[in-house]
Amino acid sequence: MALELLATSPTQTGCFGFTFTDTTGVYNVTTNPGGYGAPNVESNDINGATISIYTPGSTVPYIITFVITTGNIDSAIITNPDGTTNDVTTDVVTTQGLSFPFSTAFGSDSLLIDETWIDGTENESITDGVYTVVYEVTDGTNSYNTTTYPLSTCNACCCITKAYANLKSGCGCNDNGLKSVQMADAFLNAAVSAADLGMFEAAQTNIEKALEICTNNCKTC
């Protein structure tokens, strides 16, 4: 059996960026026949990797390209959708102290993808919605890839939490405000449920609706 590349759907780091983990693991004939190691490709034989991140609704990704030598990361360069580049080698290798693969099973750790790497503003939440993350590795001869679809919900969560907190009792318009925030909350939960079931178009539609209702219609006295 050939290498079966696996990665977790990236999780958010305090609403700022993502945490990315290679979960391919070590080869075991019984429990993990698609893992790194003979008869599959060894992790130390991987000499290149890319993580391509499509933000919600985009068709051109941010591409993080890694040059690798026997597990050591020689360089990590981001190519932005407009073709400009950003060198994050020092961040990956020195600040985060990482090697390849991005997994504790190989003595490394998960990769923190900072919000500023994907067109975010430092210390501000990234855009809500479904992201497409394509992970590919190569040994120079063969390439292996896997795709995940993380859902970002931080802005909607924050908006709905504040809307609940701002509800006031004893005024005539409060019932309408409550209905609006409950509806926004329902669409947020629908987005999460849809993503969990692999219904990513529905997840995107629902998170957009949650934000629309919360930002425009959650009115209180």
N, C-alpha and C. Protein backbone atom coordinates (compact mmCIF):
# COMPACT_ATOMS: atom_id res chain seq x y z
N MET A 1 0.85 -1.20 0.00
CA MET A 1 0.00 0.00 0.00
C MET A 1 0.88 1.25 0.00
N ALA A 2 0.51 2.24 -0.81
CA ALA A 2 1.27 3.48 -0.86
C ALA A 2 0.96 4.36 0.34
N LEU A 3 1.81 5.38 0.52
CA LEU A 3 1.59 6.34 1.59
C LEU A 3 0.20 6.94 1.46
N GLU A 4 -0.53 7.00 2.56
CA GLU A 4 -1.83 7.65 2.60
C GLU A 4 -1.72 8.88 3.48
N LEU A 5 -1.46 10.01 2.83
CA LEU A 5 -1.22 11.25 3.56
C LEU A 5 -2.48 11.69 4.27
N LEU A 6 -2.34 12.04 5.55
CA LEU A 6 -3.47 12.47 6.35
C LEU A 6 -3.11 13.74 7.13
N ALA A 7 -4.09 14.56 7.36
CA ALA A 7 -3.90 15.76 8.18
C ALA A 7 -5.22 16.09 8.86
N THR A 8 -5.13 16.64 10.07
CA THR A 8 -6.34 17.08 10.73
C THR A 8 -6.89 18.30 10.02
N SER A 9 -8.21 18.45 10.05
CA SER A 9 -8.78 19.69 9.58
C SER A 9 -8.30 20.77 10.54
N PRO A 10 -7.55 21.77 10.05
CA PRO A 10 -6.92 22.73 10.95
C PRO A 10 -7.89 23.36 11.93
N THR A 11 -7.48 23.46 13.18
CA THR A 11 -8.30 24.08 14.21
C THR A 11 -7.83 25.50 14.46
N GLN A 12 -8.73 26.34 14.91
CA GLN A 12 -8.36 27.73 15.13
C GLN A 12 -7.60 27.92 16.42
N THR A 13 -6.68 28.88 16.38
CA THR A 13 -5.86 29.21 17.53
C THR A 13 -6.34 30.54 18.10
N GLY A 14 -7.27 30.47 19.06
CA GLY A 14 -7.79 31.70 19.64
C GLY A 14 -8.37 32.64 18.63
N CYS A 15 -8.97 32.11 17.57
CA CYS A 15 -9.58 32.87 16.47
C CYS A 15 -8.54 33.48 15.53
N PHE A 16 -7.27 33.30 15.82
CA PHE A 16 -6.22 33.89 14.99
C PHE A 16 -5.47 32.78 14.27
N GLY A 17 -5.80 32.56 13.00
CA GLY A 17 -5.10 31.55 12.22
C GLY A 17 -5.53 30.13 12.57
N PHE A 18 -4.66 29.17 12.19
CA PHE A 18 -4.98 27.76 12.34
C PHE A 18 -3.82 26.98 12.94
N THR A 19 -4.14 25.84 13.52
CA THR A 19 -3.14 24.85 13.93
C THR A 19 -3.25 23.67 12.97
N PHE A 20 -2.14 23.33 12.31
CA PHE A 20 -2.13 22.29 11.29
C PHE A 20 -1.27 21.11 11.75
N THR A 21 -1.81 19.89 11.65
CA THR A 21 -1.09 18.70 12.10
C THR A 21 -1.10 17.62 11.04
N ASP A 22 0.07 17.07 10.72
CA ASP A 22 0.18 15.90 9.85
C ASP A 22 -0.12 14.67 10.71
N THR A 23 -1.19 13.95 10.38
CA THR A 23 -1.60 12.78 11.17
C THR A 23 -1.37 11.47 10.44
N THR A 24 -0.48 11.49 9.45
CA THR A 24 -0.21 10.27 8.67
C THR A 24 0.31 9.15 9.56
N GLY A 25 1.21 9.51 10.48
CA GLY A 25 1.71 8.54 11.44
C GLY A 25 2.77 7.60 10.89
N VAL A 26 3.20 6.68 11.74
CA VAL A 26 4.25 5.71 11.40
C VAL A 26 3.62 4.43 10.86
N TYR A 27 4.24 3.87 9.84
CA TYR A 27 3.72 2.64 9.22
C TYR A 27 3.60 1.51 10.23
N ASN A 28 2.46 0.85 10.16
CA ASN A 28 2.24 -0.40 10.89
C ASN A 28 1.38 -1.29 10.00
N VAL A 29 1.82 -2.48 9.76
CA VAL A 29 1.15 -3.36 8.80
C VAL A 29 -0.31 -3.59 9.15
N THR A 30 -0.64 -3.53 10.43
CA THR A 30 -2.02 -3.81 10.86
C THR A 30 -2.82 -2.55 11.13
N THR A 31 -2.26 -1.65 11.91
CA THR A 31 -3.02 -0.49 12.37
C THR A 31 -2.86 0.76 11.52
N ASN A 32 -1.79 0.84 10.73
CA ASN A 32 -1.58 2.05 9.93
C ASN A 32 -0.78 1.72 8.67
N PRO A 33 -1.35 0.95 7.76
CA PRO A 33 -0.61 0.54 6.56
C PRO A 33 -0.29 1.69 5.60
N GLY A 34 -0.93 2.86 5.81
CA GLY A 34 -0.64 4.01 4.95
C GLY A 34 0.33 5.00 5.54
N GLY A 35 0.99 4.63 6.65
CA GLY A 35 1.89 5.55 7.33
C GLY A 35 3.26 5.68 6.69
N TYR A 36 4.04 6.63 7.22
CA TYR A 36 5.42 6.81 6.76
C TYR A 36 6.27 5.61 7.19
N GLY A 37 7.18 5.17 6.31
CA GLY A 37 8.09 4.08 6.64
C GLY A 37 7.90 2.89 5.71
N ALA A 38 8.98 2.12 5.54
CA ALA A 38 8.96 0.97 4.62
C ALA A 38 7.79 0.04 4.96
N PRO A 39 7.10 -0.43 3.91
CA PRO A 39 7.41 -0.35 2.47
C PRO A 39 6.96 0.95 1.80
N ASN A 40 6.38 1.86 2.54
CA ASN A 40 6.01 3.17 2.00
C ASN A 40 7.21 4.12 2.06
N VAL A 41 7.03 5.31 1.54
CA VAL A 41 8.10 6.30 1.59
C VAL A 41 8.41 6.68 3.04
N GLU A 42 9.68 6.84 3.35
CA GLU A 42 10.11 7.29 4.67
C GLU A 42 9.88 8.80 4.80
N SER A 43 9.57 9.26 6.00
CA SER A 43 9.37 10.69 6.20
C SER A 43 10.64 11.47 5.87
N ASN A 44 11.81 10.88 6.16
CA ASN A 44 13.08 11.56 5.88
C ASN A 44 13.39 11.66 4.39
N ASP A 45 12.64 10.91 3.56
CA ASP A 45 12.84 10.99 2.11
C ASP A 45 11.99 12.08 1.47
N ILE A 46 11.08 12.67 2.23
CA ILE A 46 10.27 13.78 1.71
C ILE A 46 11.16 15.01 1.60
N ASN A 47 11.23 15.60 0.41
CA ASN A 47 12.09 16.77 0.22
C ASN A 47 11.33 18.05 -0.10
N GLY A 48 10.02 17.95 -0.12
CA GLY A 48 9.22 19.14 -0.36
C GLY A 48 7.79 18.96 0.09
N ALA A 49 7.17 20.05 0.48
CA ALA A 49 5.77 20.01 0.90
C ALA A 49 5.13 21.37 0.63
N THR A 50 3.84 21.35 0.38
CA THR A 50 3.08 22.59 0.23
C THR A 50 1.78 22.50 1.02
N ILE A 51 1.36 23.62 1.57
CA ILE A 51 0.03 23.76 2.17
C ILE A 51 -0.63 24.92 1.43
N SER A 52 -1.66 24.61 0.65
CA SER A 52 -2.38 25.63 -0.12
C SER A 52 -3.69 25.94 0.60
N ILE A 53 -3.90 27.21 0.91
CA ILE A 53 -5.05 27.62 1.70
C ILE A 53 -5.94 28.55 0.87
N TYR A 54 -7.14 28.08 0.59
CA TYR A 54 -8.14 28.89 -0.11
C TYR A 54 -9.06 29.50 0.94
N THR A 55 -9.08 30.81 1.03
CA THR A 55 -9.99 31.47 1.96
C THR A 55 -11.41 31.37 1.42
N PRO A 56 -12.44 31.59 2.26
CA PRO A 56 -13.82 31.41 1.81
C PRO A 56 -14.14 32.20 0.54
N GLY A 57 -14.62 31.48 -0.48
CA GLY A 57 -15.03 32.10 -1.73
C GLY A 57 -13.91 32.38 -2.71
N SER A 58 -12.64 32.10 -2.33
CA SER A 58 -11.52 32.42 -3.22
C SER A 58 -11.22 31.27 -4.17
N THR A 59 -10.59 31.60 -5.28
CA THR A 59 -10.18 30.58 -6.26
C THR A 59 -8.66 30.50 -6.40
N VAL A 60 -7.95 31.45 -5.80
CA VAL A 60 -6.48 31.45 -5.84
C VAL A 60 -5.98 31.36 -4.40
N PRO A 61 -5.11 30.37 -4.09
CA PRO A 61 -4.74 30.14 -2.70
C PRO A 61 -3.51 30.91 -2.24
N TYR A 62 -3.34 30.94 -0.93
CA TYR A 62 -2.04 31.23 -0.32
C TYR A 62 -1.31 29.89 -0.28
N ILE A 63 -0.09 29.85 -0.78
CA ILE A 63 0.66 28.59 -0.85
C ILE A 63 1.92 28.69 0.01
N ILE A 64 2.00 27.84 1.02
CA ILE A 64 3.20 27.77 1.85
C ILE A 64 4.06 26.62 1.31
N THR A 65 5.24 26.95 0.83
CA THR A 65 6.12 25.95 0.21
C THR A 65 7.31 25.68 1.11
N PHE A 66 7.51 24.41 1.43
CA PHE A 66 8.59 23.99 2.32
C PHE A 66 9.64 23.20 1.52
N VAL A 67 10.91 23.57 1.69
CA VAL A 67 12.02 22.77 1.18
C VAL A 67 12.59 22.02 2.37
N ILE A 68 12.74 20.69 2.22
CA ILE A 68 13.04 19.82 3.36
C ILE A 68 14.23 18.92 3.05
N THR A 69 15.12 18.73 4.02
CA THR A 69 16.23 17.81 3.90
C THR A 69 16.27 16.92 5.13
N THR A 70 16.02 15.62 4.94
CA THR A 70 16.00 14.63 6.03
C THR A 70 15.29 15.15 7.28
N GLY A 71 14.11 15.70 7.06
CA GLY A 71 13.29 16.17 8.18
C GLY A 71 13.52 17.60 8.59
N ASN A 72 14.64 18.18 8.19
CA ASN A 72 14.93 19.57 8.53
C ASN A 72 14.30 20.50 7.49
N ILE A 73 13.67 21.57 7.96
CA ILE A 73 13.04 22.52 7.06
C ILE A 73 14.06 23.58 6.67
N ASP A 74 14.44 23.59 5.40
CA ASP A 74 15.43 24.54 4.91
C ASP A 74 14.81 25.91 4.62
N SER A 75 13.57 25.90 4.16
CA SER A 75 12.91 27.17 3.89
C SER A 75 11.40 26.98 3.91
N ALA A 76 10.71 28.07 4.23
CA ALA A 76 9.25 28.10 4.22
C ALA A 76 8.83 29.45 3.64
N ILE A 77 8.27 29.42 2.44
CA ILE A 77 7.94 30.64 1.72
C ILE A 77 6.46 30.64 1.39
N ILE A 78 5.78 31.75 1.70
CA ILE A 78 4.38 31.90 1.34
C ILE A 78 4.28 32.67 0.03
N THR A 79 3.53 32.12 -0.92
CA THR A 79 3.20 32.84 -2.14
C THR A 79 1.76 33.30 -2.01
N ASN A 80 1.56 34.61 -2.02
CA ASN A 80 0.22 35.18 -1.86
C ASN A 80 -0.55 35.11 -3.18
N PRO A 81 -1.87 35.24 -3.13
CA PRO A 81 -2.66 35.19 -4.37
C PRO A 81 -2.23 36.20 -5.42
N ASP A 82 -1.66 37.33 -5.01
CA ASP A 82 -1.22 38.34 -5.98
C ASP A 82 0.19 38.08 -6.50
N GLY A 83 0.81 36.96 -6.08
CA GLY A 83 2.12 36.59 -6.58
C GLY A 83 3.28 37.06 -5.72
N THR A 84 3.03 37.93 -4.76
CA THR A 84 4.09 38.36 -3.85
C THR A 84 4.41 37.24 -2.87
N THR A 85 5.58 37.32 -2.25
CA THR A 85 6.01 36.25 -1.35
C THR A 85 6.36 36.78 0.03
N ASN A 86 6.37 35.87 0.99
CA ASN A 86 6.67 36.19 2.37
C ASN A 86 7.47 35.04 2.95
N ASP A 87 8.67 35.32 3.41
CA ASP A 87 9.55 34.28 3.97
C ASP A 87 9.23 34.09 5.45
N VAL A 88 8.74 32.91 5.82
CA VAL A 88 8.39 32.62 7.21
C VAL A 88 9.28 31.52 7.79
N THR A 89 10.45 31.33 7.18
CA THR A 89 11.35 30.27 7.62
C THR A 89 11.75 30.44 9.08
N THR A 90 12.11 31.65 9.47
CA THR A 90 12.54 31.88 10.85
C THR A 90 11.41 31.58 11.82
N ASP A 91 10.20 31.98 11.46
CA ASP A 91 9.05 31.71 12.32
C ASP A 91 8.85 30.20 12.49
N VAL A 92 8.90 29.46 11.39
CA VAL A 92 8.64 28.02 11.43
C VAL A 92 9.75 27.27 12.14
N VAL A 93 11.00 27.57 11.78
CA VAL A 93 12.13 26.79 12.27
C VAL A 93 12.62 27.25 13.63
N THR A 94 12.75 28.56 13.83
CA THR A 94 13.32 29.08 15.07
C THR A 94 12.25 29.37 16.12
N THR A 95 11.25 30.17 15.76
CA THR A 95 10.24 30.55 16.74
C THR A 95 9.38 29.35 17.15
N GLN A 96 8.90 28.60 16.16
CA GLN A 96 8.07 27.44 16.47
C GLN A 96 8.89 26.17 16.71
N GLY A 97 10.14 26.16 16.26
CA GLY A 97 11.03 25.02 16.49
C GLY A 97 10.60 23.74 15.82
N LEU A 98 10.10 23.84 14.59
CA LEU A 98 9.50 22.69 13.93
C LEU A 98 10.45 22.00 12.96
N SER A 99 10.14 20.72 12.73
CA SER A 99 10.76 19.93 11.68
C SER A 99 9.63 19.20 10.97
N PHE A 100 9.99 18.38 9.98
CA PHE A 100 8.97 17.64 9.23
C PHE A 100 8.99 16.18 9.63
N PRO A 101 7.80 15.56 9.74
CA PRO A 101 6.43 16.07 9.57
C PRO A 101 5.98 16.89 10.78
N PHE A 102 4.90 17.64 10.60
CA PHE A 102 4.37 18.48 11.67
C PHE A 102 3.54 17.60 12.61
N SER A 103 4.22 16.85 13.43
CA SER A 103 3.56 15.86 14.27
C SER A 103 4.44 15.49 15.44
N THR A 104 3.84 15.32 16.62
CA THR A 104 4.61 14.89 17.79
C THR A 104 5.11 13.46 17.62
N ALA A 105 4.48 12.69 16.74
CA ALA A 105 4.91 11.31 16.50
C ALA A 105 6.31 11.25 15.90
N PHE A 106 6.78 12.37 15.34
CA PHE A 106 8.10 12.43 14.71
C PHE A 106 9.00 13.46 15.41
N GLY A 107 8.67 13.78 16.65
CA GLY A 107 9.52 14.68 17.42
C GLY A 107 9.35 16.15 17.10
N SER A 108 8.32 16.50 16.36
CA SER A 108 8.05 17.89 16.05
C SER A 108 6.77 18.31 16.76
N ASP A 109 6.02 19.20 16.17
CA ASP A 109 4.75 19.64 16.74
C ASP A 109 3.88 20.16 15.60
N SER A 110 2.68 20.60 15.94
CA SER A 110 1.78 21.15 14.93
C SER A 110 2.31 22.50 14.44
N LEU A 111 1.97 22.81 13.20
CA LEU A 111 2.33 24.09 12.59
C LEU A 111 1.27 25.13 12.91
N LEU A 112 1.70 26.27 13.46
CA LEU A 112 0.78 27.38 13.71
C LEU A 112 0.78 28.29 12.49
N ILE A 113 -0.35 28.35 11.81
CA ILE A 113 -0.50 29.20 10.63
C ILE A 113 -1.09 30.52 11.10
N ASP A 114 -0.25 31.53 11.19
CA ASP A 114 -0.63 32.82 11.76
C ASP A 114 -1.66 33.53 10.87
N GLU A 115 -2.52 34.33 11.50
CA GLU A 115 -3.53 35.05 10.73
C GLU A 115 -2.92 35.99 9.71
N THR A 116 -1.72 36.52 10.00
CA THR A 116 -1.09 37.44 9.05
C THR A 116 -0.56 36.71 7.82
N TRP A 117 -0.44 35.37 7.89
CA TRP A 117 0.01 34.59 6.73
C TRP A 117 -1.07 34.50 5.67
N ILE A 118 -2.32 34.63 6.06
CA ILE A 118 -3.43 34.45 5.13
C ILE A 118 -4.29 35.71 5.08
N ASP A 119 -3.61 36.83 4.92
CA ASP A 119 -4.25 38.11 4.68
C ASP A 119 -5.08 38.61 5.86
N GLY A 120 -4.72 38.17 7.05
CA GLY A 120 -5.40 38.68 8.23
C GLY A 120 -4.61 39.81 8.85
N THR A 121 -5.27 40.56 9.71
CA THR A 121 -4.60 41.61 10.48
C THR A 121 -4.19 41.03 11.81
N GLU A 122 -3.00 41.34 12.27
CA GLU A 122 -2.49 40.77 13.51
C GLU A 122 -3.47 41.00 14.66
N ASN A 123 -3.73 39.92 15.41
CA ASN A 123 -4.63 39.94 16.57
C ASN A 123 -6.07 40.26 16.22
N GLU A 124 -6.46 40.02 14.97
CA GLU A 124 -7.85 40.12 14.56
C GLU A 124 -8.29 38.80 13.97
N SER A 125 -9.53 38.43 14.21
CA SER A 125 -10.05 37.15 13.72
C SER A 125 -10.00 37.09 12.20
N ILE A 126 -9.70 35.89 11.69
CA ILE A 126 -9.74 35.69 10.25
C ILE A 126 -11.20 35.62 9.80
N THR A 127 -11.42 35.69 8.50
CA THR A 127 -12.77 35.70 7.93
C THR A 127 -13.51 34.41 8.28
N ASP A 128 -14.78 34.54 8.66
CA ASP A 128 -15.61 33.37 8.90
C ASP A 128 -15.92 32.65 7.59
N GLY A 129 -16.08 31.35 7.67
CA GLY A 129 -16.47 30.58 6.50
C GLY A 129 -15.65 29.31 6.36
N VAL A 130 -15.90 28.59 5.26
CA VAL A 130 -15.22 27.33 5.00
C VAL A 130 -13.95 27.59 4.19
N TYR A 131 -12.83 27.13 4.72
CA TYR A 131 -11.55 27.21 4.05
C TYR A 131 -11.26 25.85 3.38
N THR A 132 -10.51 25.88 2.30
CA THR A 132 -10.03 24.64 1.67
C THR A 132 -8.52 24.60 1.85
N VAL A 133 -8.02 23.51 2.47
CA VAL A 133 -6.60 23.38 2.76
C VAL A 133 -6.09 22.11 2.07
N VAL A 134 -5.22 22.30 1.08
CA VAL A 134 -4.66 21.18 0.33
C VAL A 134 -3.21 20.97 0.77
N TYR A 135 -2.92 19.80 1.30
CA TYR A 135 -1.60 19.45 1.81
C TYR A 135 -0.97 18.43 0.86
N GLU A 136 0.23 18.73 0.38
CA GLU A 136 0.91 17.83 -0.56
C GLU A 136 2.37 17.69 -0.18
N VAL A 137 2.88 16.46 -0.27
CA VAL A 137 4.30 16.20 -0.02
C VAL A 137 4.86 15.42 -1.19
N THR A 138 6.18 15.51 -1.38
CA THR A 138 6.83 14.80 -2.47
C THR A 138 8.21 14.31 -2.05
N ASP A 139 8.62 13.19 -2.64
CA ASP A 139 9.98 12.70 -2.44
C ASP A 139 10.83 12.97 -3.67
N GLY A 140 10.33 13.80 -4.57
CA GLY A 140 11.03 14.12 -5.80
C GLY A 140 10.59 13.25 -6.96
N THR A 141 9.96 12.13 -6.65
CA THR A 141 9.46 11.22 -7.69
C THR A 141 7.95 11.09 -7.63
N ASN A 142 7.45 10.83 -6.43
CA ASN A 142 6.02 10.68 -6.23
C ASN A 142 5.49 11.77 -5.30
N SER A 143 4.24 12.14 -5.54
CA SER A 143 3.58 13.14 -4.71
C SER A 143 2.34 12.54 -4.07
N TYR A 144 2.02 13.03 -2.88
CA TYR A 144 0.87 12.54 -2.13
C TYR A 144 0.13 13.75 -1.58
N ASN A 145 -1.20 13.71 -1.56
CA ASN A 145 -1.93 14.88 -1.08
C ASN A 145 -3.21 14.50 -0.35
N THR A 146 -3.71 15.44 0.41
CA THR A 146 -4.98 15.30 1.12
C THR A 146 -5.58 16.69 1.28
N THR A 147 -6.91 16.75 1.36
CA THR A 147 -7.61 18.03 1.45
C THR A 147 -8.55 18.04 2.64
N THR A 148 -8.56 19.13 3.37
CA THR A 148 -9.47 19.30 4.50
C THR A 148 -10.21 20.64 4.34
N TYR A 149 -11.31 20.78 5.09
CA TYR A 149 -12.18 21.94 4.93
C TYR A 149 -12.54 22.52 6.30
N PRO A 150 -11.64 23.23 6.93
CA PRO A 150 -11.95 23.81 8.25
C PRO A 150 -12.96 24.95 8.15
N LEU A 151 -13.78 25.06 9.18
CA LEU A 151 -14.78 26.12 9.26
C LEU A 151 -14.38 27.11 10.34
N SER A 152 -14.29 28.38 9.97
CA SER A 152 -14.00 29.44 10.94
C SER A 152 -15.31 30.11 11.34
N THR A 153 -15.54 30.24 12.65
CA THR A 153 -16.81 30.79 13.14
C THR A 153 -16.63 31.92 14.16
N CYS A 154 -15.42 32.37 14.37
CA CYS A 154 -15.14 33.27 15.49
C CYS A 154 -15.92 34.57 15.45
N ASN A 155 -16.04 35.19 14.28
CA ASN A 155 -16.73 36.48 14.21
C ASN A 155 -18.21 36.32 14.53
N ALA A 156 -18.81 35.25 14.00
CA ALA A 156 -20.22 35.00 14.30
C ALA A 156 -20.42 34.71 15.78
N CYS A 157 -19.55 33.89 16.34
CA CYS A 157 -19.64 33.56 17.77
C CYS A 157 -19.55 34.82 18.63
N CYS A 158 -18.60 35.68 18.31
CA CYS A 158 -18.40 36.91 19.08
C CYS A 158 -19.62 37.82 18.96
N CYS A 159 -20.12 37.97 17.74
CA CYS A 159 -21.27 38.84 17.50
C CYS A 159 -22.49 38.34 18.27
N ILE A 160 -22.74 37.04 18.20
CA ILE A 160 -23.92 36.47 18.86
C ILE A 160 -23.79 36.56 20.38
N THR A 161 -22.60 36.30 20.90
CA THR A 161 -22.38 36.42 22.34
C THR A 161 -22.67 37.83 22.83
N LYS A 162 -22.19 38.83 22.09
CA LYS A 162 -22.44 40.23 22.46
C LYS A 162 -23.92 40.58 22.34
N ALA A 163 -24.57 40.02 21.31
CA ALA A 163 -26.00 40.31 21.12
C ALA A 163 -26.82 39.75 22.28
N TYR A 164 -26.48 38.53 22.73
CA TYR A 164 -27.16 37.98 23.91
C TYR A 164 -26.91 38.87 25.13
N ALA A 165 -25.67 39.30 25.30
CA ALA A 165 -25.31 40.10 26.47
C ALA A 165 -26.02 41.44 26.49
N ASN A 166 -26.34 41.96 25.31
CA ASN A 166 -26.95 43.29 25.23
C ASN A 166 -28.47 43.28 25.25
N LEU A 167 -29.07 42.08 25.32
CA LEU A 167 -30.52 42.03 25.43
C LEU A 167 -30.97 42.70 26.73
N LYS A 168 -32.03 43.47 26.66
CA LYS A 168 -32.52 44.20 27.82
C LYS A 168 -33.95 43.77 28.13
N SER A 169 -34.24 43.70 29.38
CA SER A 169 -35.59 43.31 29.79
C SER A 169 -36.44 44.56 30.01
N GLY A 170 -37.75 44.36 29.94
CA GLY A 170 -38.67 45.44 30.28
C GLY A 170 -38.88 46.45 29.20
N CYS A 171 -38.60 46.10 27.93
CA CYS A 171 -38.88 47.04 26.85
C CYS A 171 -39.56 46.30 25.70
N GLY A 172 -40.41 46.99 25.00
CA GLY A 172 -41.27 46.35 24.03
C GLY A 172 -40.56 45.68 22.87
N CYS A 173 -39.40 46.22 22.48
CA CYS A 173 -38.73 45.66 21.31
C CYS A 173 -37.84 44.48 21.65
N ASN A 174 -37.74 44.12 22.92
CA ASN A 174 -36.79 43.09 23.34
C ASN A 174 -37.10 41.74 22.72
N ASP A 175 -38.42 41.41 22.55
CA ASP A 175 -38.78 40.12 21.98
C ASP A 175 -38.22 39.95 20.58
N ASN A 176 -38.28 41.02 19.78
CA ASN A 176 -37.73 40.95 18.43
C ASN A 176 -36.22 40.75 18.46
N GLY A 177 -35.56 41.42 19.39
CA GLY A 177 -34.11 41.24 19.51
C GLY A 177 -33.76 39.83 19.89
N LEU A 178 -34.52 39.26 20.81
CA LEU A 178 -34.28 37.89 21.24
C LEU A 178 -34.48 36.92 20.08
N LYS A 179 -35.55 37.12 19.32
CA LYS A 179 -35.80 36.24 18.18
C LYS A 179 -34.67 36.30 17.16
N SER A 180 -34.17 37.50 16.93
CA SER A 180 -33.10 37.67 15.95
C SER A 180 -31.82 36.96 16.40
N VAL A 181 -31.44 37.15 17.66
CA VAL A 181 -30.19 36.55 18.11
C VAL A 181 -30.33 35.03 18.19
N GLN A 182 -31.51 34.54 18.53
CA GLN A 182 -31.73 33.09 18.55
C GLN A 182 -31.66 32.52 17.13
N MET A 183 -32.17 33.26 16.17
CA MET A 183 -32.11 32.80 14.79
C MET A 183 -30.66 32.78 14.29
N ALA A 184 -29.90 33.83 14.63
CA ALA A 184 -28.49 33.85 14.25
C ALA A 184 -27.75 32.69 14.87
N ASP A 185 -28.05 32.42 16.14
CA ASP A 185 -27.42 31.30 16.85
C ASP A 185 -27.77 29.97 16.18
N ALA A 186 -29.02 29.84 15.75
CA ALA A 186 -29.45 28.61 15.08
C ALA A 186 -28.68 28.39 13.78
N PHE A 187 -28.49 29.45 13.01
CA PHE A 187 -27.74 29.32 11.75
C PHE A 187 -26.26 29.01 12.02
N LEU A 188 -25.71 29.57 13.10
CA LEU A 188 -24.34 29.23 13.48
C LEU A 188 -24.22 27.74 13.78
N ASN A 189 -25.14 27.22 14.59
CA ASN A 189 -25.12 25.79 14.91
C ASN A 189 -25.34 24.94 13.67
N ALA A 190 -26.18 25.44 12.76
CA ALA A 190 -26.42 24.72 11.51
C ALA A 190 -25.14 24.66 10.67
N ALA A 191 -24.37 25.74 10.67
CA ALA A 191 -23.12 25.75 9.93
C ALA A 191 -22.14 24.72 10.48
N VAL A 192 -22.02 24.68 11.81
CA VAL A 192 -21.11 23.73 12.45
C VAL A 192 -21.55 22.30 12.16
N SER A 193 -22.84 22.03 12.27
CA SER A 193 -23.35 20.68 12.02
C SER A 193 -23.13 20.28 10.57
N ALA A 194 -23.38 21.20 9.65
CA ALA A 194 -23.18 20.90 8.23
C ALA A 194 -21.71 20.57 7.94
N ALA A 195 -20.80 21.35 8.52
CA ALA A 195 -19.37 21.09 8.31
C ALA A 195 -18.98 19.73 8.87
N ASP A 196 -19.53 19.39 10.04
CA ASP A 196 -19.23 18.09 10.65
C ASP A 196 -19.67 16.94 9.76
N LEU A 197 -20.73 17.17 8.98
CA LEU A 197 -21.27 16.13 8.10
C LEU A 197 -20.68 16.19 6.69
N GLY A 198 -19.72 17.10 6.48
CA GLY A 198 -19.11 17.21 5.16
C GLY A 198 -19.95 17.98 4.16
N MET A 199 -20.94 18.71 4.63
CA MET A 199 -21.82 19.51 3.77
C MET A 199 -21.30 20.95 3.75
N PHE A 200 -20.21 21.16 3.02
CA PHE A 200 -19.46 22.41 3.16
C PHE A 200 -20.15 23.59 2.48
N GLU A 201 -20.87 23.36 1.40
CA GLU A 201 -21.62 24.47 0.79
C GLU A 201 -22.70 24.96 1.74
N ALA A 202 -23.39 24.02 2.39
CA ALA A 202 -24.41 24.40 3.35
C ALA A 202 -23.79 25.12 4.54
N ALA A 203 -22.62 24.65 4.97
CA ALA A 203 -21.92 25.30 6.08
C ALA A 203 -21.60 26.75 5.74
N GLN A 204 -21.12 26.99 4.52
CA GLN A 204 -20.79 28.34 4.11
C GLN A 204 -22.04 29.23 4.07
N THR A 205 -23.12 28.70 3.50
CA THR A 205 -24.37 29.46 3.43
C THR A 205 -24.88 29.81 4.82
N ASN A 206 -24.81 28.85 5.73
CA ASN A 206 -25.35 29.06 7.08
C ASN A 206 -24.52 30.04 7.89
N ILE A 207 -23.19 29.99 7.77
CA ILE A 207 -22.37 30.92 8.54
C ILE A 207 -22.55 32.34 8.01
N GLU A 208 -22.72 32.47 6.69
CA GLU A 208 -22.97 33.79 6.12
C GLU A 208 -24.31 34.35 6.63
N LYS A 209 -25.32 33.48 6.73
CA LYS A 209 -26.63 33.91 7.21
C LYS A 209 -26.57 34.30 8.68
N ALA A 210 -25.81 33.54 9.47
CA ALA A 210 -25.66 33.87 10.89
C ALA A 210 -25.05 35.26 11.07
N LEU A 211 -24.03 35.55 10.29
CA LEU A 211 -23.38 36.86 10.37
C LEU A 211 -24.31 37.98 9.90
N GLU A 212 -25.04 37.70 8.82
CA GLU A 212 -25.95 38.71 8.29
C GLU A 212 -27.01 39.09 9.31
N ILE A 213 -27.62 38.09 9.93
CA ILE A 213 -28.67 38.35 10.91
C ILE A 213 -28.10 39.08 12.13
N CYS A 214 -26.95 38.61 12.60
CA CYS A 214 -26.39 39.19 13.82
C CYS A 214 -25.93 40.63 13.62
N THR A 215 -25.27 40.89 12.52
CA THR A 215 -24.72 42.23 12.31
C THR A 215 -25.78 43.24 11.88
N ASN A 216 -26.88 42.78 11.27
CA ASN A 216 -27.88 43.71 10.74
C ASN A 216 -29.20 43.72 11.50
N ASN A 217 -29.56 42.60 12.09
CA ASN A 217 -30.91 42.48 12.60
C ASN A 217 -31.02 42.24 14.09
N CYS A 218 -29.93 42.00 14.78
CA CYS A 218 -30.02 41.76 16.24
C CYS A 218 -30.12 43.10 16.96
N LYS A 219 -31.30 43.69 16.87
CA LYS A 219 -31.52 45.02 17.45
C LYS A 219 -32.23 44.89 18.81
N THR A 220 -31.73 45.62 19.76
CA THR A 220 -32.38 45.66 21.08
C THR A 220 -32.62 47.11 21.45
N CYS A 221 -33.38 47.33 22.51
CA CYS A 221 -33.70 48.70 22.92
C CYS A 221 -32.47 49.45 23.40
